[in-house]
Amino acid sequence: MSLTQGTPAATGAPAATQAAATPLPVAGRGTPSRRPGGRRRGGRPSSARSSKTMFLLVAPFLVLVFLFSYLPLAGWATAFYDYKPALGLAGSEFVGLQWFEMLVSSPVQLQQIGQVLTNTLAMSFLGFATSLLPVFFAMLLNEIRAPWFRNAVQTLTTLPNFISWVLVYLIAFSLFSSTGLVNSVLGDWGLITAPLKFLDTDQHVWLTMLLWSLWKGLGWGAIMYLAAITSIDPALYESARIDGANRFQLMRYITFPQLMPTYVVLLVLSIANMLNNGMEQYYVFQNAFNKEYIQVLDLYVYNIGITGNSLSMATALGMLKSLISVLLLVAANAVAKRARGTSII
């Protein structure tokens, strides 16, 4: 057989016909397709560059989290020493678990911690019970048709969040102290003969603190839900209107269920912070009359460490509080994932 039998010249077939019969490479199977500049379409360099850019954008915040959230954890070492600030950690005596044992061995200490935990959990559960108020407030605010009135209400209810608790107490003292505006007006009208005790009393302390928290944070808490409302598909509302739904039915059957995933995430975070009530509000409102019922865990740690000059025991308490908060976060996340399929970790 001749060696030239399979060549175009031997068979008499044109070269163009042979070239047309040859299959061309398909993008994604053989040779990757290239852009006009010669760069591969969908290649890895652009994806890697995008990932690097996103990491550089997030990196400053990661550094801040490390500096202010993780680096201070090195201070937990003081819980195992009889720490003296003048001597430093190296010059202080190592005592092991002595401070943790003292927390559970002293009956007086256990009684104080029990009352403090009761106050902390009571404040937290009252916050959980009213956690739906920002949802309802955001829904009602969204239904206001006049833009100027809606903006005015949102601004007036959000501004208190930016007022420090020191100024809030100054307002409360000006209004509700024994010589404040409320007692003065009631006395001038002849409605009372002795000043009413609003601040210097141990009655209804938890409810009073809850009301001040709501006044300060209701408008701010509704911002997240107002943003979530804007992401609801308008087609849902149009379909419901065609079926004859009124405004309250739209809120009940569309807006409220669509806000539940956001609410669940925020509720899980709140449960994780059940023991973290903060101390600013309770610190400025505490006095000799209400100290027993207003002292939450954060304020108790502050009073032990700063007022009582026992930094090591305060660190031990804070350490236990942080560990319990992590366990609460994991448990709340598991319950939310099982109940609604929504979780954050």
C-alpha atoms as a PDB file:
ATOM      1  CA  MET A   1       0.000   0.000   0.000  1.00  0.00           C
ATOM      2  CA  SER A   2       1.272   3.488  -0.923  1.00  0.00           C
ATOM      3  CA  LEU A   3       2.406   5.776   1.874  1.00  0.00           C
ATOM      4  CA  THR A   4       0.504   8.710   0.317  1.00  0.00           C
ATOM      5  CA  GLN A   5      -2.878   7.032   0.285  1.00  0.00           C
ATOM      6  CA  GLY A   6      -4.351   8.950   3.240  1.00  0.00           C
ATOM      7  CA  THR A   7      -3.060  12.397   2.258  1.00  0.00           C
ATOM      8  CA  PRO A   8      -5.268  15.051   0.613  1.00  0.00           C
ATOM      9  CA  ALA A   9      -3.178  14.974  -2.473  1.00  0.00           C
ATOM     10  CA  ALA A  10      -3.591  11.239  -2.847  1.00  0.00           C
ATOM     11  CA  THR A  11      -7.324  11.158  -2.258  1.00  0.00           C
ATOM     12  CA  GLY A  12      -8.046  14.166  -4.385  1.00  0.00           C
ATOM     13  CA  ALA A  13     -10.066  15.884  -1.588  1.00  0.00           C
ATOM     14  CA  PRO A  14      -9.535  19.613  -1.203  1.00  0.00           C
ATOM     15  CA  ALA A  15      -7.584  20.792   1.852  1.00  0.00           C
ATOM     16  CA  ALA A  16     -10.470  23.048   2.879  1.00  0.00           C
ATOM     17  CA  THR A  17     -12.824  20.055   3.001  1.00  0.00           C
ATOM     18  CA  GLN A  18     -10.424  18.162   5.193  1.00  0.00           C
ATOM     19  CA  ALA A  19     -10.040  21.146   7.513  1.00  0.00           C
ATOM     20  CA  ALA A  20     -13.801  21.511   7.788  1.00  0.00           C
ATOM     21  CA  ALA A  21     -14.140  17.876   8.722  1.00  0.00           C
ATOM     22  CA  THR A  22     -11.729  18.285  11.603  1.00  0.00           C
ATOM     23  CA  PRO A  23     -13.683  18.971  14.873  1.00  0.00           C
ATOM     24  CA  LEU A  24     -12.876  22.250  16.569  1.00  0.00           C
ATOM     25  CA  PRO A  25     -12.070  22.338  20.287  1.00  0.00           C
ATOM     26  CA  VAL A  26     -15.098  23.179  22.484  1.00  0.00           C
ATOM     27  CA  ALA A  27     -14.729  25.664  25.332  1.00  0.00           C
ATOM     28  CA  GLY A  28     -14.787  23.882  28.660  1.00  0.00           C
ATOM     29  CA  ARG A  29     -13.866  20.477  27.161  1.00  0.00           C
ATOM     30  CA  GLY A  30     -10.576  20.831  25.409  1.00  0.00           C
ATOM     31  CA  THR A  31      -8.542  23.957  25.099  1.00  0.00           C
ATOM     32  CA  PRO A  32     -10.122  26.791  27.174  1.00  0.00           C
ATOM     33  CA  SER A  33     -11.566  29.649  25.161  1.00  0.00           C
ATOM     34  CA  ARG A  34      -9.639  32.888  25.304  1.00  0.00           C
ATOM     35  CA  ARG A  35     -10.761  36.478  25.416  1.00  0.00           C
ATOM     36  CA  PRO A  36      -9.581  38.889  22.728  1.00  0.00           C
ATOM     37  CA  GLY A  37      -6.648  39.904  24.914  1.00  0.00           C
ATOM     38  CA  GLY A  38      -5.501  36.305  25.190  1.00  0.00           C
ATOM     39  CA  ARG A  39      -6.706  35.815  28.807  1.00  0.00           C
ATOM     40  CA  ARG A  40      -8.659  32.679  29.582  1.00  0.00           C
ATOM     41  CA  ARG A  41     -12.377  33.138  30.120  1.00  0.00           C
ATOM     42  CA  GLY A  42     -13.357  32.384  33.716  1.00  0.00           C
ATOM     43  CA  GLY A  43      -9.768  31.671  34.623  1.00  0.00           C
ATOM     44  CA  ARG A  44      -8.443  31.587  38.164  1.00  0.00           C
ATOM     45  CA  PRO A  45      -6.346  34.793  38.203  1.00  0.00           C
ATOM     46  CA  SER A  46      -9.388  37.099  38.306  1.00  0.00           C
ATOM     47  CA  SER A  47     -11.093  34.973  40.978  1.00  0.00           C
ATOM     48  CA  ALA A  48      -7.955  34.951  43.128  1.00  0.00           C
ATOM     49  CA  ARG A  49      -7.567  38.697  42.694  1.00  0.00           C
ATOM     50  CA  SER A  50     -11.172  39.238  43.780  1.00  0.00           C
ATOM     51  CA  SER A  51     -10.683  37.046  46.868  1.00  0.00           C
ATOM     52  CA  LYS A  52      -7.519  38.923  47.758  1.00  0.00           C
ATOM     53  CA  THR A  53      -9.326  42.262  47.430  1.00  0.00           C
ATOM     54  CA  MET A  54     -12.149  41.111  49.688  1.00  0.00           C
ATOM     55  CA  PHE A  55      -9.675  39.853  52.277  1.00  0.00           C
ATOM     56  CA  LEU A  56      -7.839  43.191  52.279  1.00  0.00           C
ATOM     57  CA  LEU A  57     -11.164  44.965  52.867  1.00  0.00           C
ATOM     58  CA  VAL A  58     -11.992  42.721  55.824  1.00  0.00           C
ATOM     59  CA  ALA A  59      -8.456  42.601  57.266  1.00  0.00           C
ATOM     60  CA  PRO A  60      -8.642  45.915  59.248  1.00  0.00           C
ATOM     61  CA  PHE A  61     -11.791  44.732  61.001  1.00  0.00           C
ATOM     62  CA  LEU A  62     -10.211  41.370  61.790  1.00  0.00           C
ATOM     63  CA  VAL A  63      -7.284  43.209  63.351  1.00  0.00           C
ATOM     64  CA  LEU A  64      -9.656  45.310  65.482  1.00  0.00           C
ATOM     65  CA  VAL A  65     -11.551  42.202  66.615  1.00  0.00           C
ATOM     66  CA  PHE A  66      -8.283  40.524  67.556  1.00  0.00           C
ATOM     67  CA  LEU A  67      -6.990  43.567  69.447  1.00  0.00           C
ATOM     68  CA  PHE A  68     -10.172  44.285  71.415  1.00  0.00           C
ATOM     69  CA  SER A  69     -11.804  40.833  71.736  1.00  0.00           C
ATOM     70  CA  TYR A  70      -9.120  38.153  71.747  1.00  0.00           C
ATOM     71  CA  LEU A  71      -5.921  39.820  72.905  1.00  0.00           C
ATOM     72  CA  PRO A  72      -7.476  40.926  76.252  1.00  0.00           C
ATOM     73  CA  LEU A  73      -8.190  37.244  77.002  1.00  0.00           C
ATOM     74  CA  ALA A  74      -4.568  37.042  78.129  1.00  0.00           C
ATOM     75  CA  GLY A  75      -5.762  38.921  81.212  1.00  0.00           C
ATOM     76  CA  TRP A  76      -7.616  35.781  82.310  1.00  0.00           C
ATOM     77  CA  ALA A  77      -4.306  34.694  83.805  1.00  0.00           C
ATOM     78  CA  THR A  78      -4.961  37.043  86.740  1.00  0.00           C
ATOM     79  CA  ALA A  79      -7.758  34.691  87.853  1.00  0.00           C
ATOM     80  CA  PHE A  80      -5.070  32.212  88.941  1.00  0.00           C
ATOM     81  CA  TYR A  81      -2.943  34.713  90.874  1.00  0.00           C
ATOM     82  CA  ASP A  82      -3.373  36.877  93.944  1.00  0.00           C
ATOM     83  CA  TYR A  83      -2.903  39.826  91.640  1.00  0.00           C
ATOM     84  CA  LYS A  84      -1.447  43.035  93.019  1.00  0.00           C
ATOM     85  CA  PRO A  85      -1.314  45.884  90.473  1.00  0.00           C
ATOM     86  CA  ALA A  86       1.800  47.364  92.112  1.00  0.00           C
ATOM     87  CA  LEU A  87       3.705  44.066  91.802  1.00  0.00           C
ATOM     88  CA  GLY A  88       2.436  43.042  88.409  1.00  0.00           C
ATOM     89  CA  LEU A  89       1.589  39.501  87.353  1.00  0.00           C
ATOM     90  CA  ALA A  90       5.193  38.284  87.660  1.00  0.00           C
ATOM     91  CA  GLY A  91       5.463  39.503  91.252  1.00  0.00           C
ATOM     92  CA  SER A  92       2.043  38.230  92.377  1.00  0.00           C
ATOM     93  CA  GLU A  93       1.553  34.886  94.120  1.00  0.00           C
ATOM     94  CA  PHE A  94       0.155  31.977  92.086  1.00  0.00           C
ATOM     95  CA  VAL A  95      -2.920  30.586  93.885  1.00  0.00           C
ATOM     96  CA  GLY A  96      -4.404  28.247  91.286  1.00  0.00           C
ATOM     97  CA  LEU A  97      -8.171  27.770  91.598  1.00  0.00           C
ATOM     98  CA  GLN A  98      -8.476  29.565  94.942  1.00  0.00           C
ATOM     99  CA  TRP A  99     -10.787  32.331  93.642  1.00  0.00           C
ATOM    100  CA  PHE A 100     -13.069  29.831  91.897  1.00  0.00           C
ATOM    101  CA  GLU A 101     -13.351  27.832  95.119  1.00  0.00           C
ATOM    102  CA  MET A 102     -14.182  30.969  97.082  1.00  0.00           C
ATOM    103  CA  LEU A 103     -17.086  31.691  94.751  1.00  0.00           C
ATOM    104  CA  VAL A 104     -18.838  28.464  95.795  1.00  0.00           C
ATOM    105  CA  SER A 105     -17.526  27.911  99.327  1.00  0.00           C
ATOM    106  CA  SER A 106     -18.781  31.056 101.064  1.00  0.00           C
ATOM    107  CA  PRO A 107     -22.540  31.074 101.900  1.00  0.00           C
ATOM    108  CA  VAL A 108     -22.610  34.879 101.849  1.00  0.00           C
ATOM    109  CA  GLN A 109     -20.913  34.924  98.453  1.00  0.00           C
ATOM    110  CA  LEU A 110     -23.331  32.320  97.097  1.00  0.00           C
ATOM    111  CA  GLN A 111     -26.311  34.332  98.339  1.00  0.00           C
ATOM    112  CA  GLN A 112     -25.006  37.482  96.666  1.00  0.00           C
ATOM    113  CA  ILE A 113     -24.308  35.659  93.408  1.00  0.00           C
ATOM    114  CA  GLY A 114     -27.777  34.088  93.517  1.00  0.00           C
ATOM    115  CA  GLN A 115     -29.437  37.502  93.865  1.00  0.00           C
ATOM    116  CA  VAL A 116     -27.219  38.951  91.134  1.00  0.00           C
ATOM    117  CA  LEU A 117     -28.061  36.092  88.742  1.00  0.00           C
ATOM    118  CA  THR A 118     -31.760  36.533  89.552  1.00  0.00           C
ATOM    119  CA  ASN A 119     -31.532  40.211  88.636  1.00  0.00           C
ATOM    120  CA  THR A 120     -29.551  39.452  85.473  1.00  0.00           C
ATOM    121  CA  LEU A 121     -31.897  36.735  84.225  1.00  0.00           C
ATOM    122  CA  ALA A 122     -34.977  38.784  85.103  1.00  0.00           C
ATOM    123  CA  MET A 123     -33.719  41.744  83.072  1.00  0.00           C
ATOM    124  CA  SER A 124     -32.812  39.443  80.183  1.00  0.00           C
ATOM    125  CA  PHE A 125     -36.151  37.628  80.120  1.00  0.00           C
ATOM    126  CA  LEU A 126     -38.022  40.920  80.228  1.00  0.00           C
ATOM    127  CA  GLY A 127     -35.946  41.942  77.213  1.00  0.00           C
ATOM    128  CA  PHE A 128     -36.878  38.696  75.422  1.00  0.00           C
ATOM    129  CA  ALA A 129     -40.554  39.229  76.249  1.00  0.00           C
ATOM    130  CA  THR A 130     -40.471  42.668  74.615  1.00  0.00           C
ATOM    131  CA  SER A 131     -38.165  41.721  71.719  1.00  0.00           C
ATOM    132  CA  LEU A 132     -41.097  41.711  69.289  1.00  0.00           C
ATOM    133  CA  LEU A 133     -41.906  45.364  69.946  1.00  0.00           C
ATOM    134  CA  PRO A 134     -39.277  46.631  67.433  1.00  0.00           C
ATOM    135  CA  VAL A 135     -40.799  44.272  64.843  1.00  0.00           C
ATOM    136  CA  PHE A 136     -44.293  45.661  65.335  1.00  0.00           C
ATOM    137  CA  PHE A 137     -42.982  49.211  65.473  1.00  0.00           C
ATOM    138  CA  ALA A 138     -41.138  48.741  62.168  1.00  0.00           C
ATOM    139  CA  MET A 139     -44.260  47.267  60.542  1.00  0.00           C
ATOM    140  CA  LEU A 140     -46.443  50.151  61.707  1.00  0.00           C
ATOM    141  CA  LEU A 141     -43.805  52.697  60.720  1.00  0.00           C
ATOM    142  CA  ASN A 142     -43.644  51.177  57.249  1.00  0.00           C
ATOM    143  CA  GLU A 143     -47.397  51.662  56.837  1.00  0.00           C
ATOM    144  CA  ILE A 144     -47.217  55.453  57.294  1.00  0.00           C
ATOM    145  CA  ARG A 145     -47.925  56.969  53.898  1.00  0.00           C
ATOM    146  CA  ALA A 146     -46.704  60.534  54.527  1.00  0.00           C
ATOM    147  CA  PRO A 147     -42.896  60.444  54.080  1.00  0.00           C
ATOM    148  CA  TRP A 148     -42.271  63.542  56.193  1.00  0.00           C
ATOM    149  CA  PHE A 149     -44.224  62.142  59.137  1.00  0.00           C
ATOM    150  CA  ARG A 150     -42.583  58.712  58.835  1.00  0.00           C
ATOM    151  CA  ASN A 151     -39.115  60.268  58.762  1.00  0.00           C
ATOM    152  CA  ALA A 152     -39.925  62.506  61.719  1.00  0.00           C
ATOM    153  CA  VAL A 153     -41.165  59.582  63.837  1.00  0.00           C
ATOM    154  CA  GLN A 154     -38.167  57.441  62.920  1.00  0.00           C
ATOM    155  CA  THR A 155     -35.734  60.252  63.730  1.00  0.00           C
ATOM    156  CA  LEU A 156     -37.347  61.085  67.082  1.00  0.00           C
ATOM    157  CA  THR A 157     -37.405  57.439  68.163  1.00  0.00           C
ATOM    158  CA  THR A 158     -33.828  56.750  67.026  1.00  0.00           C
ATOM    159  CA  LEU A 159     -32.149  59.775  68.615  1.00  0.00           C
ATOM    160  CA  PRO A 160     -32.364  58.468  72.224  1.00  0.00           C
ATOM    161  CA  ASN A 161     -30.024  55.620  71.264  1.00  0.00           C
ATOM    162  CA  PHE A 162     -27.219  58.169  70.812  1.00  0.00           C
ATOM    163  CA  ILE A 163     -27.738  59.715  74.256  1.00  0.00           C
ATOM    164  CA  SER A 164     -25.377  58.353  76.904  1.00  0.00           C
ATOM    165  CA  TRP A 165     -26.838  56.738  79.995  1.00  0.00           C
ATOM    166  CA  VAL A 166     -25.349  59.533  82.095  1.00  0.00           C
ATOM    167  CA  LEU A 167     -27.510  62.067  80.260  1.00  0.00           C
ATOM    168  CA  VAL A 168     -30.492  59.723  80.447  1.00  0.00           C
ATOM    169  CA  TYR A 169     -30.125  59.605  84.227  1.00  0.00           C
ATOM    170  CA  LEU A 170     -29.812  63.391  84.280  1.00  0.00           C
ATOM    171  CA  ILE A 171     -33.155  63.599  82.457  1.00  0.00           C
ATOM    172  CA  ALA A 172     -34.686  61.052  84.828  1.00  0.00           C
ATOM    173  CA  PHE A 173     -33.401  62.916  87.884  1.00  0.00           C
ATOM    174  CA  SER A 174     -34.739  66.236  86.582  1.00  0.00           C
ATOM    175  CA  LEU A 175     -38.169  64.723  86.038  1.00  0.00           C
ATOM    176  CA  PHE A 176     -38.640  62.101  88.763  1.00  0.00           C
ATOM    177  CA  SER A 177     -36.489  63.057  91.742  1.00  0.00           C
ATOM    178  CA  SER A 178     -38.112  64.236  94.970  1.00  0.00           C
ATOM    179  CA  THR A 179     -37.685  67.846  93.839  1.00  0.00           C
ATOM    180  CA  GLY A 180     -38.135  67.083  90.128  1.00  0.00           C
ATOM    181  CA  LEU A 181     -40.687  68.407  87.689  1.00  0.00           C
ATOM    182  CA  VAL A 182     -43.269  65.649  88.180  1.00  0.00           C
ATOM    183  CA  ASN A 183     -43.374  65.923  91.985  1.00  0.00           C
ATOM    184  CA  SER A 184     -43.389  69.717  91.789  1.00  0.00           C
ATOM    185  CA  VAL A 185     -46.359  69.776  89.397  1.00  0.00           C
ATOM    186  CA  LEU A 186     -48.299  67.173  91.358  1.00  0.00           C
ATOM    187  CA  GLY A 187     -47.631  69.077  94.589  1.00  0.00           C
ATOM    188  CA  ASP A 188     -48.705  72.405  93.093  1.00  0.00           C
ATOM    189  CA  TRP A 189     -51.946  70.833  91.888  1.00  0.00           C
ATOM    190  CA  GLY A 190     -52.625  69.436  95.357  1.00  0.00           C
ATOM    191  CA  LEU A 191     -52.591  65.811  94.171  1.00  0.00           C
ATOM    192  CA  ILE A 192     -49.867  64.695  96.608  1.00  0.00           C
ATOM    193  CA  THR A 193     -48.775  65.810 100.069  1.00  0.00           C
ATOM    194  CA  ALA A 194     -45.380  64.087 100.059  1.00  0.00           C
ATOM    195  CA  PRO A 195     -43.015  63.560  97.118  1.00  0.00           C
ATOM    196  CA  LEU A 196     -43.372  60.274  95.278  1.00  0.00           C
ATOM    197  CA  LYS A 197     -40.233  58.142  95.263  1.00  0.00           C
ATOM    198  CA  PHE A 198     -39.548  57.139  91.668  1.00  0.00           C
ATOM    199  CA  LEU A 199     -35.769  56.700  91.789  1.00  0.00           C
ATOM    200  CA  ASP A 200     -34.815  56.139  95.439  1.00  0.00           C
ATOM    201  CA  THR A 201     -36.951  53.053  96.010  1.00  0.00           C
ATOM    202  CA  ASP A 202     -36.636  49.274  95.637  1.00  0.00           C
ATOM    203  CA  GLN A 203     -40.143  48.900  94.192  1.00  0.00           C
ATOM    204  CA  HIS A 204     -40.573  47.883  90.532  1.00  0.00           C
ATOM    205  CA  VAL A 205     -36.866  48.276  89.782  1.00  0.00           C
ATOM    206  CA  TRP A 206     -36.866  45.694  86.972  1.00  0.00           C
ATOM    207  CA  LEU A 207     -39.893  47.257  85.283  1.00  0.00           C
ATOM    208  CA  THR A 208     -38.411  50.745  85.561  1.00  0.00           C
ATOM    209  CA  MET A 209     -35.152  49.647  83.954  1.00  0.00           C
ATOM    210  CA  LEU A 210     -37.093  47.905  81.174  1.00  0.00           C
ATOM    211  CA  LEU A 211     -39.081  51.048  80.378  1.00  0.00           C
ATOM    212  CA  TRP A 212     -35.947  53.162  80.158  1.00  0.00           C
ATOM    213  CA  SER A 213     -34.315  50.575  77.890  1.00  0.00           C
ATOM    214  CA  LEU A 214     -37.342  50.538  75.590  1.00  0.00           C
ATOM    215  CA  TRP A 215     -37.419  54.311  75.385  1.00  0.00           C
ATOM    216  CA  LYS A 216     -33.753  54.385  74.466  1.00  0.00           C
ATOM    217  CA  GLY A 217     -33.553  51.442  72.071  1.00  0.00           C
ATOM    218  CA  LEU A 218     -36.954  50.926  70.422  1.00  0.00           C
ATOM    219  CA  GLY A 219     -36.334  53.117  67.379  1.00  0.00           C
ATOM    220  CA  TRP A 220     -32.799  51.841  66.917  1.00  0.00           C
ATOM    221  CA  GLY A 221     -33.930  48.220  67.134  1.00  0.00           C
ATOM    222  CA  ALA A 222     -36.520  48.797  64.397  1.00  0.00           C
ATOM    223  CA  ILE A 223     -33.902  49.880  61.832  1.00  0.00           C
ATOM    224  CA  MET A 224     -32.853  46.286  61.115  1.00  0.00           C
ATOM    225  CA  TYR A 225     -36.445  45.253  60.465  1.00  0.00           C
ATOM    226  CA  LEU A 226     -37.128  48.286  58.282  1.00  0.00           C
ATOM    227  CA  ALA A 227     -34.184  47.225  56.131  1.00  0.00           C
ATOM    228  CA  ALA A 228     -35.549  43.662  55.991  1.00  0.00           C
ATOM    229  CA  ILE A 229     -38.974  44.946  54.871  1.00  0.00           C
ATOM    230  CA  THR A 230     -37.418  46.634  51.838  1.00  0.00           C
ATOM    231  CA  SER A 231     -36.109  43.245  50.645  1.00  0.00           C
ATOM    232  CA  ILE A 232     -39.560  41.593  50.597  1.00  0.00           C
ATOM    233  CA  ASP A 233     -40.722  40.754  47.067  1.00  0.00           C
ATOM    234  CA  PRO A 234     -43.404  43.323  46.008  1.00  0.00           C
ATOM    235  CA  ALA A 235     -45.107  40.593  43.960  1.00  0.00           C
ATOM    236  CA  LEU A 236     -46.290  39.018  47.212  1.00  0.00           C
ATOM    237  CA  TYR A 237     -48.149  42.189  48.150  1.00  0.00           C
ATOM    238  CA  GLU A 238     -49.607  42.603  44.653  1.00  0.00           C
ATOM    239  CA  SER A 239     -50.910  39.029  44.629  1.00  0.00           C
ATOM    240  CA  ALA A 240     -52.469  39.467  48.067  1.00  0.00           C
ATOM    241  CA  ARG A 241     -54.147  42.731  47.021  1.00  0.00           C
ATOM    242  CA  ILE A 242     -55.624  41.038  43.982  1.00  0.00           C
ATOM    243  CA  ASP A 243     -57.067  38.396  46.307  1.00  0.00           C
ATOM    244  CA  GLY A 244     -58.671  41.179  48.383  1.00  0.00           C
ATOM    245  CA  ALA A 245     -56.286  41.428  51.345  1.00  0.00           C
ATOM    246  CA  ASN A 246     -56.392  44.660  53.346  1.00  0.00           C
ATOM    247  CA  ARG A 247     -53.409  46.419  54.945  1.00  0.00           C
ATOM    248  CA  PHE A 248     -53.620  44.546  58.244  1.00  0.00           C
ATOM    249  CA  GLN A 249     -53.827  41.197  56.451  1.00  0.00           C
ATOM    250  CA  LEU A 250     -50.782  42.136  54.398  1.00  0.00           C
ATOM    251  CA  MET A 251     -48.906  42.859  57.614  1.00  0.00           C
ATOM    252  CA  ARG A 252     -50.068  39.651  59.280  1.00  0.00           C
ATOM    253  CA  TYR A 253     -49.630  37.146  56.456  1.00  0.00           C
ATOM    254  CA  ILE A 254     -46.728  38.635  54.455  1.00  0.00           C
ATOM    255  CA  THR A 255     -44.661  41.206  56.329  1.00  0.00           C
ATOM    256  CA  PHE A 256     -44.560  39.489  59.710  1.00  0.00           C
ATOM    257  CA  PRO A 257     -43.613  35.993  58.420  1.00  0.00           C
ATOM    258  CA  GLN A 258     -40.952  37.495  56.132  1.00  0.00           C
ATOM    259  CA  LEU A 259     -39.363  39.236  59.120  1.00  0.00           C
ATOM    260  CA  MET A 260     -39.132  36.068  61.204  1.00  0.00           C
ATOM    261  CA  PRO A 261     -35.717  34.871  59.880  1.00  0.00           C
ATOM    262  CA  THR A 262     -34.173  38.216  60.835  1.00  0.00           C
ATOM    263  CA  TYR A 263     -35.896  38.093  64.218  1.00  0.00           C
ATOM    264  CA  VAL A 264     -34.643  34.560  64.912  1.00  0.00           C
ATOM    265  CA  VAL A 265     -31.035  35.513  64.178  1.00  0.00           C
ATOM    266  CA  LEU A 266     -31.230  38.544  66.481  1.00  0.00           C
ATOM    267  CA  LEU A 267     -32.963  36.465  69.160  1.00  0.00           C
ATOM    268  CA  VAL A 268     -30.193  33.859  69.052  1.00  0.00           C
ATOM    269  CA  LEU A 269     -27.614  36.607  69.533  1.00  0.00           C
ATOM    270  CA  SER A 270     -29.663  38.010  72.426  1.00  0.00           C
ATOM    271  CA  ILE A 271     -29.818  34.621  74.132  1.00  0.00           C
ATOM    272  CA  ALA A 272     -26.044  34.318  73.799  1.00  0.00           C
ATOM    273  CA  ASN A 273     -25.807  37.684  75.584  1.00  0.00           C
ATOM    274  CA  MET A 274     -28.243  36.704  78.306  1.00  0.00           C
ATOM    275  CA  LEU A 275     -25.633  37.339  80.990  1.00  0.00           C
ATOM    276  CA  ASN A 276     -24.261  40.467  79.300  1.00  0.00           C
ATOM    277  CA  ASN A 277     -26.711  43.158  80.318  1.00  0.00           C
ATOM    278  CA  GLY A 278     -24.049  45.821  80.380  1.00  0.00           C
ATOM    279  CA  MET A 279     -23.417  47.981  83.409  1.00  0.00           C
ATOM    280  CA  GLU A 280     -23.766  51.588  82.252  1.00  0.00           C
ATOM    281  CA  GLN A 281     -27.520  51.846  82.768  1.00  0.00           C
ATOM    282  CA  TYR A 282     -27.519  50.061  86.116  1.00  0.00           C
ATOM    283  CA  TYR A 283     -24.412  51.841  87.342  1.00  0.00           C
ATOM    284  CA  VAL A 284     -25.902  55.321  86.955  1.00  0.00           C
ATOM    285  CA  PHE A 285     -29.305  54.330  88.359  1.00  0.00           C
ATOM    286  CA  GLN A 286     -28.053  52.359  91.378  1.00  0.00           C
ATOM    287  CA  ASN A 287     -28.294  53.807  94.860  1.00  0.00           C
ATOM    288  CA  ALA A 288     -28.492  52.552  98.425  1.00  0.00           C
ATOM    289  CA  PHE A 289     -32.241  51.865  98.112  1.00  0.00           C
ATOM    290  CA  ASN A 290     -32.313  49.749  94.940  1.00  0.00           C
ATOM    291  CA  LYS A 291     -28.829  48.199  94.901  1.00  0.00           C
ATOM    292  CA  GLU A 292     -30.115  44.746  95.875  1.00  0.00           C
ATOM    293  CA  TYR A 293     -32.393  44.496  92.842  1.00  0.00           C
ATOM    294  CA  ILE A 294     -30.529  46.548  90.244  1.00  0.00           C
ATOM    295  CA  GLN A 295     -27.101  44.899  90.562  1.00  0.00           C
ATOM    296  CA  VAL A 296     -26.653  42.676  87.483  1.00  0.00           C
ATOM    297  CA  LEU A 297     -23.660  40.438  86.819  1.00  0.00           C
ATOM    298  CA  ASP A 298     -21.582  42.999  84.913  1.00  0.00           C
ATOM    299  CA  LEU A 299     -22.131  45.613  87.620  1.00  0.00           C
ATOM    300  CA  TYR A 300     -21.345  43.036  90.309  1.00  0.00           C
ATOM    301  CA  VAL A 301     -18.029  42.195  88.625  1.00  0.00           C
ATOM    302  CA  TYR A 302     -17.218  45.911  88.445  1.00  0.00           C
ATOM    303  CA  ASN A 303     -18.070  46.475  92.096  1.00  0.00           C
ATOM    304  CA  ILE A 304     -15.923  43.527  93.200  1.00  0.00           C
ATOM    305  CA  GLY A 305     -12.967  44.417  91.026  1.00  0.00           C
ATOM    306  CA  ILE A 306     -12.871  48.204  91.316  1.00  0.00           C
ATOM    307  CA  THR A 307     -14.817  49.078  94.457  1.00  0.00           C
ATOM    308  CA  GLY A 308     -13.794  45.953  96.377  1.00  0.00           C
ATOM    309  CA  ASN A 309     -10.228  45.956  95.000  1.00  0.00           C
ATOM    310  CA  SER A 310     -10.361  42.235  94.188  1.00  0.00           C
ATOM    311  CA  LEU A 311      -9.327  42.094  90.558  1.00  0.00           C
ATOM    312  CA  SER A 312      -8.542  38.371  90.609  1.00  0.00           C
ATOM    313  CA  MET A 313     -12.007  37.344  91.823  1.00  0.00           C
ATOM    314  CA  ALA A 314     -13.643  39.738  89.367  1.00  0.00           C
ATOM    315  CA  THR A 315     -11.625  38.130  86.563  1.00  0.00           C
ATOM    316  CA  ALA A 316     -12.709  34.655  87.685  1.00  0.00           C
ATOM    317  CA  LEU A 317     -16.358  35.749  87.605  1.00  0.00           C
ATOM    318  CA  GLY A 318     -15.963  37.324  84.184  1.00  0.00           C
ATOM    319  CA  MET A 319     -14.234  34.203  82.916  1.00  0.00           C
ATOM    320  CA  LEU A 320     -17.103  31.963  84.023  1.00  0.00           C
ATOM    321  CA  LYS A 321     -19.627  34.381  82.531  1.00  0.00           C
ATOM    322  CA  SER A 322     -17.898  34.270  79.133  1.00  0.00           C
ATOM    323  CA  LEU A 323     -17.790  30.469  79.078  1.00  0.00           C
ATOM    324  CA  ILE A 324     -21.481  30.226  79.985  1.00  0.00           C
ATOM    325  CA  SER A 325     -22.329  32.754  77.244  1.00  0.00           C
ATOM    326  CA  VAL A 326     -20.578  30.586  74.651  1.00  0.00           C
ATOM    327  CA  LEU A 327     -22.589  27.552  75.795  1.00  0.00           C
ATOM    328  CA  LEU A 328     -25.813  29.559  75.610  1.00  0.00           C
ATOM    329  CA  LEU A 329     -24.956  30.659  72.056  1.00  0.00           C
ATOM    330  CA  VAL A 330     -24.381  27.068  70.917  1.00  0.00           C
ATOM    331  CA  ALA A 331     -27.590  25.856  72.588  1.00  0.00           C
ATOM    332  CA  ALA A 332     -29.728  28.700  71.196  1.00  0.00           C
ATOM    333  CA  ASN A 333     -28.274  28.185  67.724  1.00  0.00           C
ATOM    334  CA  ALA A 334     -29.115  24.457  67.854  1.00  0.00           C
ATOM    335  CA  VAL A 335     -32.711  25.161  68.932  1.00  0.00           C
ATOM    336  CA  ALA A 336     -33.185  27.792  66.207  1.00  0.00           C
ATOM    337  CA  LYS A 337     -31.764  25.468  63.547  1.00  0.00           C
ATOM    338  CA  ARG A 338     -34.079  22.651  64.594  1.00  0.00           C
ATOM    339  CA  ALA A 339     -37.173  24.869  64.888  1.00  0.00           C
ATOM    340  CA  ARG A 340     -36.853  27.051  61.763  1.00  0.00           C
ATOM    341  CA  GLY A 341     -33.799  25.827  59.913  1.00  0.00           C
ATOM    342  CA  THR A 342     -32.071  29.176  60.565  1.00  0.00           C
ATOM    343  CA  SER A 343     -28.734  29.361  62.335  1.00  0.00           C
ATOM    344  CA  ILE A 344     -25.713  31.626  62.544  1.00  0.00           C
ATOM    345  CA  ILE A 345     -22.924  29.131  63.269  1.00  0.00           C
END
